[in-house]
Amino acid sequence: MKPCFTRLTAATLFATLAVPVALAQENKPAEEPVPVIVGNPPPDHPFGKLKIGMKYDEVIAIVGQPTNQTSWCNGKQHIPFYFGDDKGRAEAYFKGMGKLDFNADVTMLPFKICKGGSPTSLIYVEYDPEATGELPKAPAEAAK
């Protein structure tokens, strides 16, 4: 009977130690994407004056109105109890300057339809002096 008791004690000890370790690994918070500045805008260029995290109004005051812009929901609006500010994305395209990405507000419509809203904070800067300012074409349109 003693060997059985030893096995039971060893199994209980292993389970007691393994469960908290497994739970700690499962409950790690999701890592946020790292804000990025692509390209090398000159310091005197409007894109060179931007800082990641700036509000949309501050960015527009420095850079001016975009040539084109678009926004969409990224799916996080359906996660229960998710209160982050990155439920939507917005992209602003500037002719001769490049592209800026922002977190965006979202509007929930009936039947779980989500609509991208107004941009909030700057998360990505892509400097490209040869940018056309046009929205990228959808893959189906690009194939034509």
Protein backbone atom coordinates (compact mmCIF):
# COMPACT_ATOMS: atom_id res chain seq x y z
CA MET A 1 0.00 0.00 0.00
CA LYS A 2 2.90 2.33 0.58
CA PRO A 3 3.99 2.52 -3.13
CA CYS A 4 0.46 3.53 -4.12
CA PHE A 5 0.46 6.27 -1.47
CA THR A 6 3.81 7.55 -2.78
CA ARG A 7 2.52 7.69 -6.35
CA LEU A 8 -0.60 9.48 -5.23
CA THR A 9 1.42 12.02 -3.25
CA ALA A 10 3.80 12.62 -6.16
CA ALA A 11 0.90 13.06 -8.59
CA THR A 12 -0.84 15.47 -6.21
CA LEU A 13 2.35 17.48 -5.73
CA PHE A 14 2.93 17.68 -9.50
CA ALA A 15 -0.67 18.77 -10.16
CA THR A 16 -0.48 21.38 -7.40
CA LEU A 17 2.68 22.91 -8.86
CA ALA A 18 1.77 22.56 -12.56
CA VAL A 19 -1.69 24.18 -12.49
CA PRO A 20 -0.60 27.67 -11.27
CA VAL A 21 2.27 27.69 -13.78
CA ALA A 22 -0.08 26.76 -16.65
CA LEU A 23 -2.64 29.36 -15.56
CA ALA A 24 0.04 32.05 -15.33
CA GLN A 25 1.13 31.31 -18.90
CA GLU A 26 -2.46 31.41 -20.21
CA ASN A 27 -3.31 34.73 -18.51
CA LYS A 28 -0.47 36.76 -20.00
CA PRO A 29 -1.84 39.99 -21.46
CA ALA A 30 -1.76 40.29 -25.23
CA GLU A 31 1.20 42.32 -26.41
CA GLU A 32 0.30 45.56 -28.17
CA PRO A 33 1.85 46.19 -31.57
CA VAL A 34 4.95 48.36 -31.41
CA PRO A 35 4.38 51.84 -32.88
CA VAL A 36 6.54 52.36 -35.94
CA ILE A 37 8.00 55.18 -38.03
CA VAL A 38 9.04 53.92 -41.47
CA GLY A 39 11.29 55.96 -43.70
CA ASN A 40 13.49 58.85 -42.67
CA PRO A 41 11.54 62.11 -42.81
CA PRO A 42 13.75 65.22 -42.56
CA PRO A 43 13.34 67.13 -39.28
CA ASP A 44 11.89 70.19 -41.06
CA HIS A 45 9.33 68.06 -42.97
CA PRO A 46 5.80 67.86 -41.44
CA PHE A 47 6.17 64.09 -40.97
CA GLY A 48 9.45 64.71 -39.13
CA LYS A 49 7.57 66.72 -36.49
CA LEU A 50 5.13 63.91 -35.66
CA LYS A 51 5.35 61.76 -32.54
CA ILE A 52 3.63 58.41 -32.03
CA GLY A 53 0.63 58.86 -29.72
CA MET A 54 -0.31 62.36 -30.94
CA LYS A 55 -4.03 63.09 -31.27
CA TYR A 56 -5.57 63.31 -34.74
CA ASP A 57 -6.30 67.05 -34.44
CA GLU A 58 -2.68 67.79 -33.49
CA VAL A 59 -1.41 65.77 -36.47
CA ILE A 60 -3.74 67.52 -38.95
CA ALA A 61 -2.66 70.92 -37.58
CA ILE A 62 0.95 70.02 -38.47
CA VAL A 63 0.50 68.04 -41.70
CA GLY A 64 -2.71 69.43 -43.19
CA GLN A 65 -5.73 67.63 -44.60
CA PRO A 66 -5.13 64.18 -46.13
CA THR A 67 -5.61 63.50 -49.83
CA ASN A 68 -7.63 60.37 -48.96
CA GLN A 69 -8.56 58.50 -45.81
CA THR A 70 -10.41 55.38 -44.78
CA SER A 71 -11.39 53.63 -41.54
CA TRP A 72 -12.65 50.19 -40.50
CA CYS A 73 -13.29 47.93 -37.51
CA ASN A 74 -10.62 45.36 -36.72
CA GLY A 75 -12.74 42.79 -34.83
CA LYS A 76 -11.80 43.66 -31.26
CA GLN A 77 -15.20 45.32 -30.78
CA HIS A 78 -16.69 41.81 -30.37
CA ILE A 79 -14.39 40.80 -27.50
CA PRO A 80 -16.41 40.91 -24.26
CA PHE A 81 -14.98 43.24 -21.62
CA TYR A 82 -12.33 44.66 -23.97
CA PHE A 83 -11.98 48.36 -23.26
CA GLY A 84 -8.88 49.20 -25.31
CA ASP A 85 -8.78 52.13 -27.70
CA ASP A 86 -7.75 50.07 -30.73
CA LYS A 87 -11.08 48.60 -31.85
CA GLY A 88 -10.78 50.38 -35.17
CA ARG A 89 -8.13 51.66 -37.54
CA ALA A 90 -7.96 54.69 -39.79
CA GLU A 91 -5.44 55.43 -42.53
CA ALA A 92 -4.75 58.86 -43.96
CA TYR A 93 -2.88 59.18 -47.27
CA PHE A 94 -0.96 62.33 -48.21
CA LYS A 95 0.28 63.05 -51.73
CA GLY A 96 4.05 63.52 -51.75
CA MET A 97 4.36 62.68 -48.04
CA GLY A 98 3.18 59.15 -47.24
CA LYS A 99 0.68 57.44 -44.98
CA LEU A 100 -0.40 57.76 -41.33
CA ASP A 101 -2.27 55.11 -39.33
CA PHE A 102 -4.44 55.93 -36.33
CA ASN A 103 -6.50 54.08 -33.79
CA ALA A 104 -10.14 54.91 -34.52
CA ASP A 105 -13.46 55.03 -32.73
CA VAL A 106 -16.06 52.54 -33.89
CA THR A 107 -19.82 52.76 -34.19
CA MET A 108 -21.87 49.65 -33.56
CA LEU A 109 -25.00 49.36 -35.67
CA PRO A 110 -27.82 46.80 -35.34
CA PHE A 111 -27.09 43.16 -36.25
CA LYS A 112 -23.47 43.45 -35.04
CA ILE A 113 -22.52 45.69 -37.95
CA CYS A 114 -19.52 47.83 -37.14
CA LYS A 115 -18.49 51.03 -38.85
CA GLY A 116 -15.09 52.65 -38.49
CA GLY A 117 -15.27 56.13 -37.03
CA SER A 118 -13.10 59.13 -36.40
CA PRO A 119 -9.32 58.70 -35.93
CA THR A 120 -7.99 59.15 -32.39
CA SER A 121 -4.24 58.64 -31.87
CA LEU A 122 -1.27 58.19 -34.19
CA ILE A 123 0.27 54.70 -34.22
CA TYR A 124 2.22 54.45 -37.50
CA VAL A 125 4.06 56.86 -39.80
CA GLU A 126 5.22 55.86 -43.28
CA TYR A 127 7.27 58.57 -45.00
CA ASP A 128 7.31 58.28 -48.80
CA PRO A 129 8.01 61.43 -50.86
CA GLU A 130 6.76 59.61 -53.97
CA ALA A 131 3.34 58.73 -52.49
CA THR A 132 0.37 59.35 -54.78
CA GLY A 133 -2.11 59.92 -51.97
CA GLU A 134 -4.51 57.39 -53.50
CA LEU A 135 -6.19 54.60 -51.56
CA PRO A 136 -4.66 51.18 -52.29
CA LYS A 137 -6.71 49.06 -54.66
CA ALA A 138 -8.45 45.92 -53.45
CA PRO A 139 -6.81 42.68 -54.63
CA ALA A 140 -9.70 42.01 -57.05
CA GLU A 141 -9.30 45.46 -58.62
CA ALA A 142 -5.51 45.20 -58.80
CA ALA A 143 -5.75 41.95 -60.80
CA LYS A 144 -7.74 43.66 -63.59
